[in-house]
Amino acid sequence: MNKITSFLLFSFLLSASCTSETLLAPVEIDGKWGFIDKTGKIAINPQFEDAWEFKEGLATIQLGNKYGYIDKSGKIVTNP
């Protein structure tokens, strides 16, 4: 049992150290959605009607009544 616990702990620590993903969270300001970083600084200016969390490096956004994807720099990678 101790070997299993050690293996699981090692696996967790390894996976945690391999994620250098920038954490951005959607935020609504004055009726538009953008993204903030973990310090609360605006990383992507609010410009969307809606925005969802990043998954695998992309976030779904809504512009008007259409949807697309942006990367973590705010660049639209799939046009709405």
C-alpha atoms as a PDB file:
ATOM      1  CA  MET A   1       0.000   0.000   0.000  1.00  0.00           C
ATOM      2  CA  ASN A   2       2.852   2.394   0.761  1.00  0.00           C
ATOM      3  CA  LYS A   3       4.277   1.940  -2.753  1.00  0.00           C
ATOM      4  CA  ILE A   4       0.951   2.912  -4.284  1.00  0.00           C
ATOM      5  CA  THR A   5       0.732   6.063  -2.154  1.00  0.00           C
ATOM      6  CA  SER A   6       4.292   7.043  -3.094  1.00  0.00           C
ATOM      7  CA  PHE A   7       3.579   6.438  -6.770  1.00  0.00           C
ATOM      8  CA  LEU A   8       0.401   8.549  -6.674  1.00  0.00           C
ATOM      9  CA  LEU A   9       2.197  11.383  -4.876  1.00  0.00           C
ATOM     10  CA  PHE A  10       5.051  11.258  -7.390  1.00  0.00           C
ATOM     11  CA  SER A  11       2.567  11.262 -10.310  1.00  0.00           C
ATOM     12  CA  PHE A  12       0.715  14.255  -8.877  1.00  0.00           C
ATOM     13  CA  LEU A  13       3.902  16.254  -8.318  1.00  0.00           C
ATOM     14  CA  LEU A  14       5.171  15.430 -11.790  1.00  0.00           C
ATOM     15  CA  SER A  15       1.938  16.481 -13.476  1.00  0.00           C
ATOM     16  CA  ALA A  16       1.759  19.683 -11.405  1.00  0.00           C
ATOM     17  CA  SER A  17       5.300  20.668 -12.358  1.00  0.00           C
ATOM     18  CA  CYS A  18       4.634  20.008 -16.061  1.00  0.00           C
ATOM     19  CA  THR A  19       1.745  22.445 -16.248  1.00  0.00           C
ATOM     20  CA  SER A  20       3.190  25.827 -17.017  1.00  0.00           C
ATOM     21  CA  GLU A  21      -0.185  26.936 -18.317  1.00  0.00           C
ATOM     22  CA  THR A  22      -1.035  30.582 -17.741  1.00  0.00           C
ATOM     23  CA  LEU A  23      -4.171  30.805 -15.655  1.00  0.00           C
ATOM     24  CA  LEU A  24      -6.734  33.244 -17.037  1.00  0.00           C
ATOM     25  CA  ALA A  25     -10.271  33.649 -15.776  1.00  0.00           C
ATOM     26  CA  PRO A  26     -13.237  35.217 -17.573  1.00  0.00           C
ATOM     27  CA  VAL A  27     -14.453  38.482 -16.068  1.00  0.00           C
ATOM     28  CA  GLU A  28     -17.346  40.800 -16.920  1.00  0.00           C
ATOM     29  CA  ILE A  29     -16.702  44.544 -16.818  1.00  0.00           C
ATOM     30  CA  ASP A  30     -19.346  47.046 -17.898  1.00  0.00           C
ATOM     31  CA  GLY A  31     -21.345  44.392 -19.741  1.00  0.00           C
ATOM     32  CA  LYS A  32     -18.428  42.988 -21.774  1.00  0.00           C
ATOM     33  CA  TRP A  33     -16.334  39.905 -21.079  1.00  0.00           C
ATOM     34  CA  GLY A  34     -12.543  39.637 -21.026  1.00  0.00           C
ATOM     35  CA  PHE A  35      -9.946  37.752 -19.005  1.00  0.00           C
ATOM     36  CA  ILE A  36      -7.842  38.458 -15.920  1.00  0.00           C
ATOM     37  CA  ASP A  37      -4.702  36.710 -14.732  1.00  0.00           C
ATOM     38  CA  LYS A  38      -4.193  35.224 -11.274  1.00  0.00           C
ATOM     39  CA  THR A  39      -3.130  38.618  -9.863  1.00  0.00           C
ATOM     40  CA  GLY A  40      -6.366  40.261 -11.040  1.00  0.00           C
ATOM     41  CA  LYS A  41      -4.708  42.212 -13.862  1.00  0.00           C
ATOM     42  CA  ILE A  42      -6.635  42.392 -17.135  1.00  0.00           C
ATOM     43  CA  ALA A  43      -4.901  40.071 -19.597  1.00  0.00           C
ATOM     44  CA  ILE A  44      -7.438  40.274 -22.460  1.00  0.00           C
ATOM     45  CA  ASN A  45      -9.548  43.419 -22.659  1.00  0.00           C
ATOM     46  CA  PRO A  46     -13.304  43.025 -22.172  1.00  0.00           C
ATOM     47  CA  GLN A  47     -14.744  43.001 -25.713  1.00  0.00           C
ATOM     48  CA  PHE A  48     -16.937  39.923 -25.920  1.00  0.00           C
ATOM     49  CA  GLU A  49     -20.648  39.397 -25.266  1.00  0.00           C
ATOM     50  CA  ASP A  50     -19.694  36.262 -23.347  1.00  0.00           C
ATOM     51  CA  ALA A  51     -16.584  34.205 -22.592  1.00  0.00           C
ATOM     52  CA  TRP A  52     -15.862  30.805 -21.078  1.00  0.00           C
ATOM     53  CA  GLU A  53     -12.858  29.252 -19.333  1.00  0.00           C
ATOM     54  CA  PHE A  54      -9.755  28.194 -21.237  1.00  0.00           C
ATOM     55  CA  LYS A  55      -9.457  24.490 -21.975  1.00  0.00           C
ATOM     56  CA  GLU A  56      -6.448  23.081 -23.801  1.00  0.00           C
ATOM     57  CA  GLY A  57      -5.218  26.600 -24.593  1.00  0.00           C
ATOM     58  CA  LEU A  58      -8.447  27.942 -26.138  1.00  0.00           C
ATOM     59  CA  ALA A  59     -11.499  29.740 -24.792  1.00  0.00           C
ATOM     60  CA  THR A  60     -14.922  30.008 -26.381  1.00  0.00           C
ATOM     61  CA  ILE A  61     -16.081  33.583 -26.898  1.00  0.00           C
ATOM     62  CA  GLN A  62     -19.254  35.177 -28.204  1.00  0.00           C
ATOM     63  CA  LEU A  63     -19.205  38.162 -30.562  1.00  0.00           C
ATOM     64  CA  GLY A  64     -22.698  39.341 -31.387  1.00  0.00           C
ATOM     65  CA  ASN A  65     -24.727  36.188 -31.879  1.00  0.00           C
ATOM     66  CA  LYS A  66     -21.772  34.105 -33.136  1.00  0.00           C
ATOM     67  CA  TYR A  67     -19.183  32.004 -31.334  1.00  0.00           C
ATOM     68  CA  GLY A  68     -15.475  31.420 -31.882  1.00  0.00           C
ATOM     69  CA  TYR A  69     -12.239  30.596 -30.060  1.00  0.00           C
ATOM     70  CA  ILE A  70      -9.343  32.724 -28.827  1.00  0.00           C
ATOM     71  CA  ASP A  71      -5.885  31.777 -27.633  1.00  0.00           C
ATOM     72  CA  LYS A  72      -4.300  33.057 -24.413  1.00  0.00           C
ATOM     73  CA  SER A  73      -2.960  36.173 -26.153  1.00  0.00           C
ATOM     74  CA  GLY A  74      -6.530  37.138 -27.108  1.00  0.00           C
ATOM     75  CA  LYS A  75      -6.053  36.369 -30.794  1.00  0.00           C
ATOM     76  CA  ILE A  76      -9.121  34.916 -32.493  1.00  0.00           C
ATOM     77  CA  VAL A  77      -8.115  31.509 -33.858  1.00  0.00           C
ATOM     78  CA  THR A  78     -11.574  30.423 -35.066  1.00  0.00           C
ATOM     79  CA  ASN A  79     -13.640  33.281 -36.464  1.00  0.00           C
ATOM     80  CA  PRO A  80     -17.178  33.615 -35.150  1.00  0.00           C
END
